[in-house]
Protein backbone atom coordinates (compact mmCIF):
# COMPACT_ATOMS: atom_id res chain seq x y z
CA MET A 1 0.00 0.00 0.00
CA PRO A 2 1.46 3.43 -0.91
CA PRO A 3 2.30 5.90 1.87
CA GLN A 4 -0.57 8.20 2.86
CA LEU A 5 -0.62 11.93 3.60
CA ASN A 6 -3.10 13.52 5.94
CA HIS A 7 -1.72 16.68 7.57
CA SER A 8 -3.87 17.91 10.42
CA ASP A 9 -2.14 21.31 10.27
CA ASP A 10 -3.04 21.63 6.59
CA PRO A 11 -5.56 24.44 6.03
CA HIS A 12 -7.28 22.20 3.46
CA ALA A 13 -7.48 19.16 5.77
CA ASP A 14 -11.26 19.42 6.02
CA THR A 15 -11.60 18.96 2.25
CA GLN A 16 -8.99 16.26 1.74
CA LYS A 17 -8.90 12.56 2.26
CA ALA A 18 -5.60 10.78 2.82
CA LEU A 19 -3.52 11.22 -0.34
CA ALA A 20 -1.39 8.45 -1.77
CA LEU A 21 2.24 9.58 -1.88
CA PRO A 22 4.74 8.37 -4.46
CA ASP A 23 6.73 5.33 -3.35
CA LEU A 24 10.26 6.70 -3.03
CA GLY A 25 11.73 3.47 -1.63
CA GLN A 26 13.71 2.69 -4.77
CA ARG A 27 14.43 6.36 -5.53
CA PRO A 28 16.21 7.81 -2.47
CA PHE A 29 18.19 10.58 -4.17
CA THR A 30 17.47 14.22 -3.30
CA ALA A 31 18.32 17.72 -4.53
CA THR A 32 18.41 20.44 -1.87
CA VAL A 33 18.81 24.19 -2.41
CA GLU A 34 18.61 27.15 -0.03
CA ARG A 35 18.74 30.63 -1.42
CA ASP A 36 17.83 34.19 -0.48
CA LEU A 37 15.47 35.93 -2.91
CA ALA A 38 14.20 39.51 -3.00
CA ALA A 39 10.47 38.66 -3.16
CA SER A 40 8.21 38.19 -0.13
CA PRO A 41 6.97 34.75 0.96
CA ALA A 42 3.49 35.64 -0.36
CA GLN A 43 4.87 36.54 -3.81
CA LEU A 44 6.92 33.33 -3.95
CA TYR A 45 3.98 31.23 -2.78
CA ALA A 46 1.97 32.69 -5.68
CA ALA A 47 4.84 31.93 -8.08
CA PHE A 48 4.68 28.23 -7.13
CA THR A 49 0.87 27.99 -7.20
CA THR A 50 -0.86 30.38 -9.62
CA GLN A 51 1.88 32.26 -11.47
CA TRP A 52 4.03 29.57 -13.12
CA GLU A 53 3.60 31.26 -16.52
CA ASN A 54 5.14 34.48 -15.16
CA TRP A 55 8.54 32.86 -14.65
CA PHE A 56 8.80 29.16 -15.57
CA ALA A 57 6.04 27.73 -17.76
CA ARG A 58 5.58 28.60 -21.41
CA PRO A 59 2.71 31.12 -21.58
CA GLY A 60 -0.62 29.59 -22.51
CA THR A 61 0.28 26.05 -21.41
CA ALA A 62 -0.58 26.03 -17.70
CA SER A 63 -3.63 24.23 -16.37
CA ILE A 64 -3.32 24.76 -12.63
CA GLU A 65 -5.81 24.98 -9.80
CA PRO A 66 -3.85 24.98 -6.53
CA SER A 67 -5.91 22.65 -4.38
CA ILE A 68 -4.86 19.57 -2.43
CA GLY A 69 -4.90 16.47 -4.64
CA ARG A 70 -5.65 18.48 -7.77
CA PRO A 71 -3.51 17.64 -10.82
CA PHE A 72 -1.69 20.32 -12.79
CA PHE A 73 0.08 20.57 -16.14
CA PHE A 74 2.37 23.04 -17.88
CA GLU A 75 5.14 23.03 -20.44
CA THR A 76 8.55 24.60 -20.52
CA GLU A 77 10.67 25.14 -23.57
CA HIS A 78 14.43 24.63 -23.57
CA ASN A 79 16.63 24.57 -26.68
CA HIS A 80 13.50 24.68 -28.88
CA GLN A 81 12.13 21.49 -27.31
CA ARG A 82 8.96 21.28 -25.24
CA HIS A 83 9.08 19.66 -21.82
CA PRO A 84 5.73 18.70 -20.26
CA HIS A 85 5.47 18.88 -16.45
CA TYR A 86 2.73 17.09 -14.53
CA GLY A 87 1.93 16.75 -10.87
CA ARG A 88 -0.54 17.21 -8.07
CA PHE A 89 -0.60 19.36 -4.99
CA LEU A 90 0.13 17.56 -1.70
CA ARG A 91 0.33 20.43 0.82
CA LEU A 92 -0.47 24.14 0.59
CA GLN A 93 0.26 26.36 3.58
CA PRO A 94 0.02 30.00 2.44
CA PRO A 95 2.36 31.81 2.35
CA ARG A 96 4.99 29.48 3.75
CA LEU A 97 4.97 26.10 1.98
CA VAL A 98 4.05 24.40 -1.28
CA GLU A 99 4.49 20.66 -1.73
CA LEU A 100 3.66 18.91 -4.96
CA THR A 101 4.54 15.93 -7.05
CA TRP A 102 6.68 16.62 -10.11
CA VAL A 103 6.80 14.38 -13.18
CA THR A 104 8.76 15.06 -16.35
CA GLY A 105 10.13 12.95 -19.20
CA SER A 106 13.43 11.39 -20.19
CA ARG A 107 15.50 14.56 -19.73
CA GLY A 108 14.01 15.25 -16.30
CA THR A 109 12.63 12.83 -13.73
CA ASP A 110 12.49 9.99 -16.29
CA GLY A 111 8.78 9.62 -15.66
CA ALA A 112 9.22 9.19 -11.90
CA GLU A 113 6.73 10.97 -9.65
CA THR A 114 9.09 12.98 -7.45
CA ILE A 115 8.18 15.29 -4.57
CA LEU A 116 9.05 18.98 -4.59
CA THR A 117 8.75 20.81 -1.26
CA VAL A 118 9.34 24.56 -1.27
CA GLU A 119 9.42 26.59 1.95
CA PHE A 120 9.34 30.39 2.04
CA ILE A 121 10.91 31.92 5.15
CA PRO A 122 10.80 35.70 5.79
CA ASN A 123 14.33 37.08 5.65
CA GLY A 124 14.69 40.85 5.98
CA LYS A 125 12.93 42.47 3.03
CA GLY A 126 12.83 39.20 1.07
CA SER A 127 12.72 35.47 1.68
CA LYS A 128 14.89 32.46 2.15
CA VAL A 129 13.73 29.67 -0.14
CA ARG A 130 14.38 26.11 1.01
CA LEU A 131 13.71 23.71 -1.84
CA THR A 132 13.85 19.93 -1.44
CA HIS A 133 13.26 17.79 -4.52
CA THR A 134 13.31 14.08 -3.72
CA GLY A 135 12.64 10.77 -5.43
CA PHE A 136 15.30 10.59 -8.14
CA TYR A 137 16.61 7.29 -9.51
CA ASN A 138 20.27 8.29 -9.21
CA THR A 139 22.70 10.94 -7.97
CA ALA A 140 23.35 12.29 -11.48
CA THR A 141 19.68 13.21 -12.03
CA ALA A 142 19.39 14.67 -8.52
CA LYS A 143 22.54 16.76 -9.15
CA GLN A 144 21.20 17.91 -12.55
CA HIS A 145 18.01 19.16 -10.87
CA GLU A 146 19.90 20.72 -7.97
CA ASP A 147 22.11 22.65 -10.41
CA ALA A 148 19.08 23.81 -12.41
CA TRP A 149 17.13 24.92 -9.34
CA ARG A 150 20.17 26.62 -7.77
CA GLY A 151 21.15 28.40 -10.97
CA PRO A 152 18.96 29.36 -13.92
CA VAL A 153 15.56 28.45 -12.47
CA LEU A 154 15.80 30.40 -9.21
CA ASP A 155 17.75 33.15 -11.03
CA GLU A 156 14.73 33.66 -13.28
CA LEU A 157 12.31 33.52 -10.35
CA ASP A 158 14.34 36.15 -8.50
CA ARG A 159 14.56 38.36 -11.60
CA ARG A 160 10.84 38.17 -12.35
CA PHE A 161 9.63 38.65 -8.78
CA ARG A 162 12.01 41.36 -7.60
CA PRO A 163 9.91 44.21 -6.17
CA ASN A 164 11.22 46.64 -8.87
CA ASN A 165 10.32 44.24 -11.70
CA LEU A 166 6.83 43.47 -10.38
CA GLN A 167 5.80 47.11 -10.77
CA THR A 168 7.20 47.52 -14.30
CA GLU A 169 6.41 44.09 -15.79
CA ASN A 170 2.83 43.99 -14.49
CA ALA A 171 2.03 47.57 -15.50
């Protein structure tokens, strides 16, 4: 029987039944990143729930309703190739935590349903982001994801959600 999730501190606990979690027993490898970003926890929470197309997903591809157990889909484009991303929301604790499953193809998670947990911690005028992405088949894939999150992905998130950019890009 797959592991179950039922968080009593989850604000959506009254609407959720126990969720089946991915079986990570044969996929113990993890990517972990901590980084300070200029945006507030609330802005970053929105980025990982309703605003994927503002920084990560190809515009017009996202089908996302941030609700526990609800599936989502979006595409990214890298080197003129499309990369579908699928998952479902496991925990939502505004504005401090988003946890979701993350499934991509052969150049990503190799079809494995991984778990991405992102915490947003107030830090001065911005936030510390603690990102844990677990459930990879091997260290090479975990390292590839860690390097992507630490570098270009969070760089773009920081650029797009800097307080100065929010006023000019959303005007």
